[in-house]
Amino acid sequence: MIQRIQTVYLFLVIVLCISCLFAGVGEWALEGETVASMSNFTYSKEGLEPATTAPCYGLGVLLILVVLLTIPTILLFRKRMRQLRLAIFSTILLVGYVALYVFYAWAFTAEGTTFRFLLPATFPVVSIVLNALAIHGIRKDEALVRSLDRLR
């Protein structure tokens, strides 16, 4: 199981998603000073009046779903087609996370503020690439097994 490169890719997806889950993913600045921040569960505005906090649960839920979906994907190494479907669905969820992240960044931007991406915000994008590499590896394994079945 661990000797397969796609298992390593999927494990890195889990690590990146968990580390992104507990980190801040964006902040808004006004004249160089941070006035609001966003994590995967909340948006908080401190520097501008009125000070508010808004829920962003969608981001956190999507990351939790990706982690909970990737764990069985790793464990299904003998059922490659099911593993492939779960990896594709996980990639779709990550694309949804990125789209929702961009929407929240756009929706919460106040007049005169600029939005700054933080480093953990890139982890889901890297996870999409790692999922694509894992999907490629799973497809290669399936093609190899099918070609060996034809030789028998």
C-alpha atoms as a PDB file:
ATOM      1  CA  MET A   1       0.000   0.000   0.000  1.00  0.00           C
ATOM      2  CA  ILE A   2       2.582   2.616   1.037  1.00  0.00           C
ATOM      3  CA  GLN A   3       4.985   1.604  -1.736  1.00  0.00           C
ATOM      4  CA  ARG A   4       2.589   3.030  -4.308  1.00  0.00           C
ATOM      5  CA  ILE A   5       3.320   6.646  -5.176  1.00  0.00           C
ATOM      6  CA  GLN A   6      -0.365   7.573  -5.285  1.00  0.00           C
ATOM      7  CA  THR A   7      -0.653   6.598  -1.628  1.00  0.00           C
ATOM      8  CA  VAL A   8       2.040   9.139  -0.816  1.00  0.00           C
ATOM      9  CA  TYR A   9       0.206  11.772  -2.855  1.00  0.00           C
ATOM     10  CA  LEU A  10      -3.063  11.060  -1.070  1.00  0.00           C
ATOM     11  CA  PHE A  11      -1.347  11.127   2.321  1.00  0.00           C
ATOM     12  CA  LEU A  12       0.113  14.551   1.475  1.00  0.00           C
ATOM     13  CA  VAL A  13      -3.409  15.718   0.559  1.00  0.00           C
ATOM     14  CA  ILE A  14      -4.565  14.727   4.046  1.00  0.00           C
ATOM     15  CA  VAL A  15      -1.638  16.517   5.708  1.00  0.00           C
ATOM     16  CA  LEU A  16      -2.138  19.699   3.669  1.00  0.00           C
ATOM     17  CA  CYS A  17      -5.891  19.794   4.235  1.00  0.00           C
ATOM     18  CA  ILE A  18      -5.549  19.277   7.985  1.00  0.00           C
ATOM     19  CA  SER A  19      -2.874  21.970   8.241  1.00  0.00           C
ATOM     20  CA  CYS A  20      -5.032  24.366   6.197  1.00  0.00           C
ATOM     21  CA  LEU A  21      -8.039  23.572   8.372  1.00  0.00           C
ATOM     22  CA  PHE A  22      -6.463  25.081  11.492  1.00  0.00           C
ATOM     23  CA  ALA A  23      -4.784  28.103   9.912  1.00  0.00           C
ATOM     24  CA  GLY A  24      -5.881  31.518   8.739  1.00  0.00           C
ATOM     25  CA  VAL A  25      -6.412  31.672   5.000  1.00  0.00           C
ATOM     26  CA  GLY A  26      -6.810  35.364   4.233  1.00  0.00           C
ATOM     27  CA  GLU A  27      -6.786  38.882   5.549  1.00  0.00           C
ATOM     28  CA  TRP A  28      -7.918  42.292   4.466  1.00  0.00           C
ATOM     29  CA  ALA A  29      -5.715  45.338   4.789  1.00  0.00           C
ATOM     30  CA  LEU A  30      -6.452  49.037   4.762  1.00  0.00           C
ATOM     31  CA  GLU A  31      -3.433  51.273   4.233  1.00  0.00           C
ATOM     32  CA  GLY A  32      -1.066  48.434   5.157  1.00  0.00           C
ATOM     33  CA  GLU A  33      -2.826  47.572   8.408  1.00  0.00           C
ATOM     34  CA  THR A  34      -4.806  44.355   8.836  1.00  0.00           C
ATOM     35  CA  VAL A  35      -8.472  45.116   9.486  1.00  0.00           C
ATOM     36  CA  ALA A  36     -10.134  41.715   8.982  1.00  0.00           C
ATOM     37  CA  SER A  37      -9.149  38.070   8.791  1.00  0.00           C
ATOM     38  CA  MET A  38     -10.671  34.838   7.575  1.00  0.00           C
ATOM     39  CA  SER A  39     -10.115  31.299   8.730  1.00  0.00           C
ATOM     40  CA  ASN A  40     -11.886  28.203   7.463  1.00  0.00           C
ATOM     41  CA  PHE A  41     -14.721  28.682   9.946  1.00  0.00           C
ATOM     42  CA  THR A  42     -15.035  32.417  10.661  1.00  0.00           C
ATOM     43  CA  TYR A  43     -14.584  35.869   9.233  1.00  0.00           C
ATOM     44  CA  SER A  44     -13.766  38.552  11.770  1.00  0.00           C
ATOM     45  CA  LYS A  45     -13.580  42.278  11.170  1.00  0.00           C
ATOM     46  CA  GLU A  46     -11.794  44.220  13.915  1.00  0.00           C
ATOM     47  CA  GLY A  47     -10.364  47.376  12.400  1.00  0.00           C
ATOM     48  CA  LEU A  48     -13.460  48.730  10.681  1.00  0.00           C
ATOM     49  CA  GLU A  49     -16.675  49.791  12.363  1.00  0.00           C
ATOM     50  CA  PRO A  50     -18.771  47.922  13.314  1.00  0.00           C
ATOM     51  CA  ALA A  51     -16.675  44.964  14.509  1.00  0.00           C
ATOM     52  CA  THR A  52     -18.354  41.793  13.281  1.00  0.00           C
ATOM     53  CA  THR A  53     -17.839  38.065  13.094  1.00  0.00           C
ATOM     54  CA  ALA A  54     -19.454  35.973  10.375  1.00  0.00           C
ATOM     55  CA  PRO A  55     -19.426  32.196   9.932  1.00  0.00           C
ATOM     56  CA  CYS A  56     -17.605  30.633   6.979  1.00  0.00           C
ATOM     57  CA  TYR A  57     -18.457  27.052   7.825  1.00  0.00           C
ATOM     58  CA  GLY A  58     -18.562  25.946   4.205  1.00  0.00           C
ATOM     59  CA  LEU A  59     -14.787  26.145   3.865  1.00  0.00           C
ATOM     60  CA  GLY A  60     -14.113  24.052   6.943  1.00  0.00           C
ATOM     61  CA  VAL A  61     -16.781  21.496   6.106  1.00  0.00           C
ATOM     62  CA  LEU A  62     -15.377  20.982   2.615  1.00  0.00           C
ATOM     63  CA  LEU A  63     -11.879  20.413   3.983  1.00  0.00           C
ATOM     64  CA  ILE A  64     -13.182  17.970   6.587  1.00  0.00           C
ATOM     65  CA  LEU A  65     -15.076  16.092   3.859  1.00  0.00           C
ATOM     66  CA  VAL A  66     -11.926  15.907   1.733  1.00  0.00           C
ATOM     67  CA  VAL A  67      -9.952  14.462   4.656  1.00  0.00           C
ATOM     68  CA  LEU A  68     -12.704  11.992   5.528  1.00  0.00           C
ATOM     69  CA  LEU A  69     -12.953  10.951   1.875  1.00  0.00           C
ATOM     70  CA  THR A  70      -9.208  10.630   1.281  1.00  0.00           C
ATOM     71  CA  ILE A  71      -8.609   8.250   4.195  1.00  0.00           C
ATOM     72  CA  PRO A  72     -10.786   5.481   2.693  1.00  0.00           C
ATOM     73  CA  THR A  73      -9.311   6.290  -0.714  1.00  0.00           C
ATOM     74  CA  ILE A  74      -5.901   5.296   0.624  1.00  0.00           C
ATOM     75  CA  LEU A  75      -7.282   2.138   2.202  1.00  0.00           C
ATOM     76  CA  LEU A  76      -9.033   0.981  -0.990  1.00  0.00           C
ATOM     77  CA  PHE A  77      -5.784   0.191  -2.796  1.00  0.00           C
ATOM     78  CA  ARG A  78      -7.102  -3.196  -3.941  1.00  0.00           C
ATOM     79  CA  LYS A  79     -10.265  -1.718  -5.459  1.00  0.00           C
ATOM     80  CA  ARG A  80      -8.690   0.676  -7.898  1.00  0.00           C
ATOM     81  CA  MET A  81     -11.851   1.791  -9.710  1.00  0.00           C
ATOM     82  CA  ARG A  82     -13.571   2.720  -6.458  1.00  0.00           C
ATOM     83  CA  GLN A  83     -10.356   4.430  -5.349  1.00  0.00           C
ATOM     84  CA  LEU A  84     -10.318   6.348  -8.619  1.00  0.00           C
ATOM     85  CA  ARG A  85     -13.912   7.544  -8.175  1.00  0.00           C
ATOM     86  CA  LEU A  86     -13.273   8.691  -4.616  1.00  0.00           C
ATOM     87  CA  ALA A  87     -10.135  10.566  -5.674  1.00  0.00           C
ATOM     88  CA  ILE A  88     -12.052  12.302  -8.469  1.00  0.00           C
ATOM     89  CA  PHE A  89     -14.858  13.260  -6.065  1.00  0.00           C
ATOM     90  CA  SER A  90     -12.275  14.567  -3.592  1.00  0.00           C
ATOM     91  CA  THR A  91     -10.786  16.711  -6.363  1.00  0.00           C
ATOM     92  CA  ILE A  92     -14.237  18.094  -7.167  1.00  0.00           C
ATOM     93  CA  LEU A  93     -14.697  19.011  -3.494  1.00  0.00           C
ATOM     94  CA  LEU A  94     -11.328  20.781  -3.491  1.00  0.00           C
ATOM     95  CA  VAL A  95     -12.301  22.756  -6.597  1.00  0.00           C
ATOM     96  CA  GLY A  96     -15.513  23.679  -4.779  1.00  0.00           C
ATOM     97  CA  TYR A  97     -13.415  24.825  -1.803  1.00  0.00           C
ATOM     98  CA  VAL A  98     -11.327  27.089  -4.032  1.00  0.00           C
ATOM     99  CA  ALA A  99     -14.467  28.525  -5.664  1.00  0.00           C
ATOM    100  CA  LEU A 100     -16.092  29.158  -2.274  1.00  0.00           C
ATOM    101  CA  TYR A 101     -12.864  30.719  -0.997  1.00  0.00           C
ATOM    102  CA  VAL A 102     -12.777  33.131  -3.935  1.00  0.00           C
ATOM    103  CA  PHE A 103     -16.456  33.943  -3.362  1.00  0.00           C
ATOM    104  CA  TYR A 104     -15.878  34.713   0.338  1.00  0.00           C
ATOM    105  CA  ALA A 105     -12.822  36.811  -0.508  1.00  0.00           C
ATOM    106  CA  TRP A 106     -14.894  38.805  -2.976  1.00  0.00           C
ATOM    107  CA  ALA A 107     -18.035  39.054  -0.824  1.00  0.00           C
ATOM    108  CA  PHE A 108     -16.316  40.231   2.349  1.00  0.00           C
ATOM    109  CA  THR A 109     -14.083  42.816   0.662  1.00  0.00           C
ATOM    110  CA  ALA A 110     -15.077  46.269   1.884  1.00  0.00           C
ATOM    111  CA  GLU A 111     -14.526  49.449  -0.045  1.00  0.00           C
ATOM    112  CA  GLY A 112     -10.910  50.562   0.050  1.00  0.00           C
ATOM    113  CA  THR A 113      -9.530  47.311   1.474  1.00  0.00           C
ATOM    114  CA  THR A 114      -7.269  44.865  -0.290  1.00  0.00           C
ATOM    115  CA  PHE A 115      -7.390  41.124   0.177  1.00  0.00           C
ATOM    116  CA  ARG A 116      -4.204  39.155   0.853  1.00  0.00           C
ATOM    117  CA  PHE A 117      -3.958  35.402   0.436  1.00  0.00           C
ATOM    118  CA  LEU A 118      -2.083  33.668   3.214  1.00  0.00           C
ATOM    119  CA  LEU A 119       0.174  30.663   2.593  1.00  0.00           C
ATOM    120  CA  PRO A 120      -2.295  28.029   3.891  1.00  0.00           C
ATOM    121  CA  ALA A 121      -4.771  29.188   1.228  1.00  0.00           C
ATOM    122  CA  THR A 122      -2.522  27.592  -1.390  1.00  0.00           C
ATOM    123  CA  PHE A 123      -2.687  24.155   0.269  1.00  0.00           C
ATOM    124  CA  PRO A 124      -6.011  23.154  -1.360  1.00  0.00           C
ATOM    125  CA  VAL A 125      -4.642  24.140  -4.778  1.00  0.00           C
ATOM    126  CA  VAL A 126      -1.561  21.994  -4.166  1.00  0.00           C
ATOM    127  CA  SER A 127      -3.917  19.231  -2.984  1.00  0.00           C
ATOM    128  CA  ILE A 128      -5.769  19.422  -6.302  1.00  0.00           C
ATOM    129  CA  VAL A 129      -2.484  18.857  -8.127  1.00  0.00           C
ATOM    130  CA  LEU A 130      -1.554  15.983  -5.797  1.00  0.00           C
ATOM    131  CA  ASN A 131      -4.993  14.421  -6.295  1.00  0.00           C
ATOM    132  CA  ALA A 132      -4.537  14.682 -10.066  1.00  0.00           C
ATOM    133  CA  LEU A 133      -1.166  12.932  -9.763  1.00  0.00           C
ATOM    134  CA  ALA A 134      -2.753  10.219  -7.611  1.00  0.00           C
ATOM    135  CA  ILE A 135      -5.544   9.756 -10.163  1.00  0.00           C
ATOM    136  CA  HIS A 136      -2.927   9.375 -12.885  1.00  0.00           C
ATOM    137  CA  GLY A 137      -1.083   6.761 -10.806  1.00  0.00           C
ATOM    138  CA  ILE A 138      -4.273   4.835 -10.081  1.00  0.00           C
ATOM    139  CA  ARG A 139      -5.139   4.788 -13.784  1.00  0.00           C
ATOM    140  CA  LYS A 140      -1.653   3.538 -14.621  1.00  0.00           C
ATOM    141  CA  ASP A 141      -1.986   0.740 -12.057  1.00  0.00           C
ATOM    142  CA  GLU A 142      -5.368  -0.254 -13.442  1.00  0.00           C
ATOM    143  CA  ALA A 143      -4.004  -0.288 -17.002  1.00  0.00           C
ATOM    144  CA  LEU A 144      -1.082  -2.462 -15.880  1.00  0.00           C
ATOM    145  CA  VAL A 145      -3.357  -4.945 -14.119  1.00  0.00           C
ATOM    146  CA  ARG A 146      -5.665  -5.145 -17.138  1.00  0.00           C
ATOM    147  CA  SER A 147      -2.744  -5.711 -19.503  1.00  0.00           C
ATOM    148  CA  LEU A 148      -1.476  -8.523 -17.266  1.00  0.00           C
ATOM    149  CA  ASP A 149      -4.954 -10.071 -17.238  1.00  0.00           C
ATOM    150  CA  ARG A 150      -4.923 -10.112 -21.065  1.00  0.00           C
ATOM    151  CA  LEU A 151      -1.632 -12.036 -21.068  1.00  0.00           C
ATOM    152  CA  ARG A 152      -3.068 -14.916 -19.054  1.00  0.00           C
END
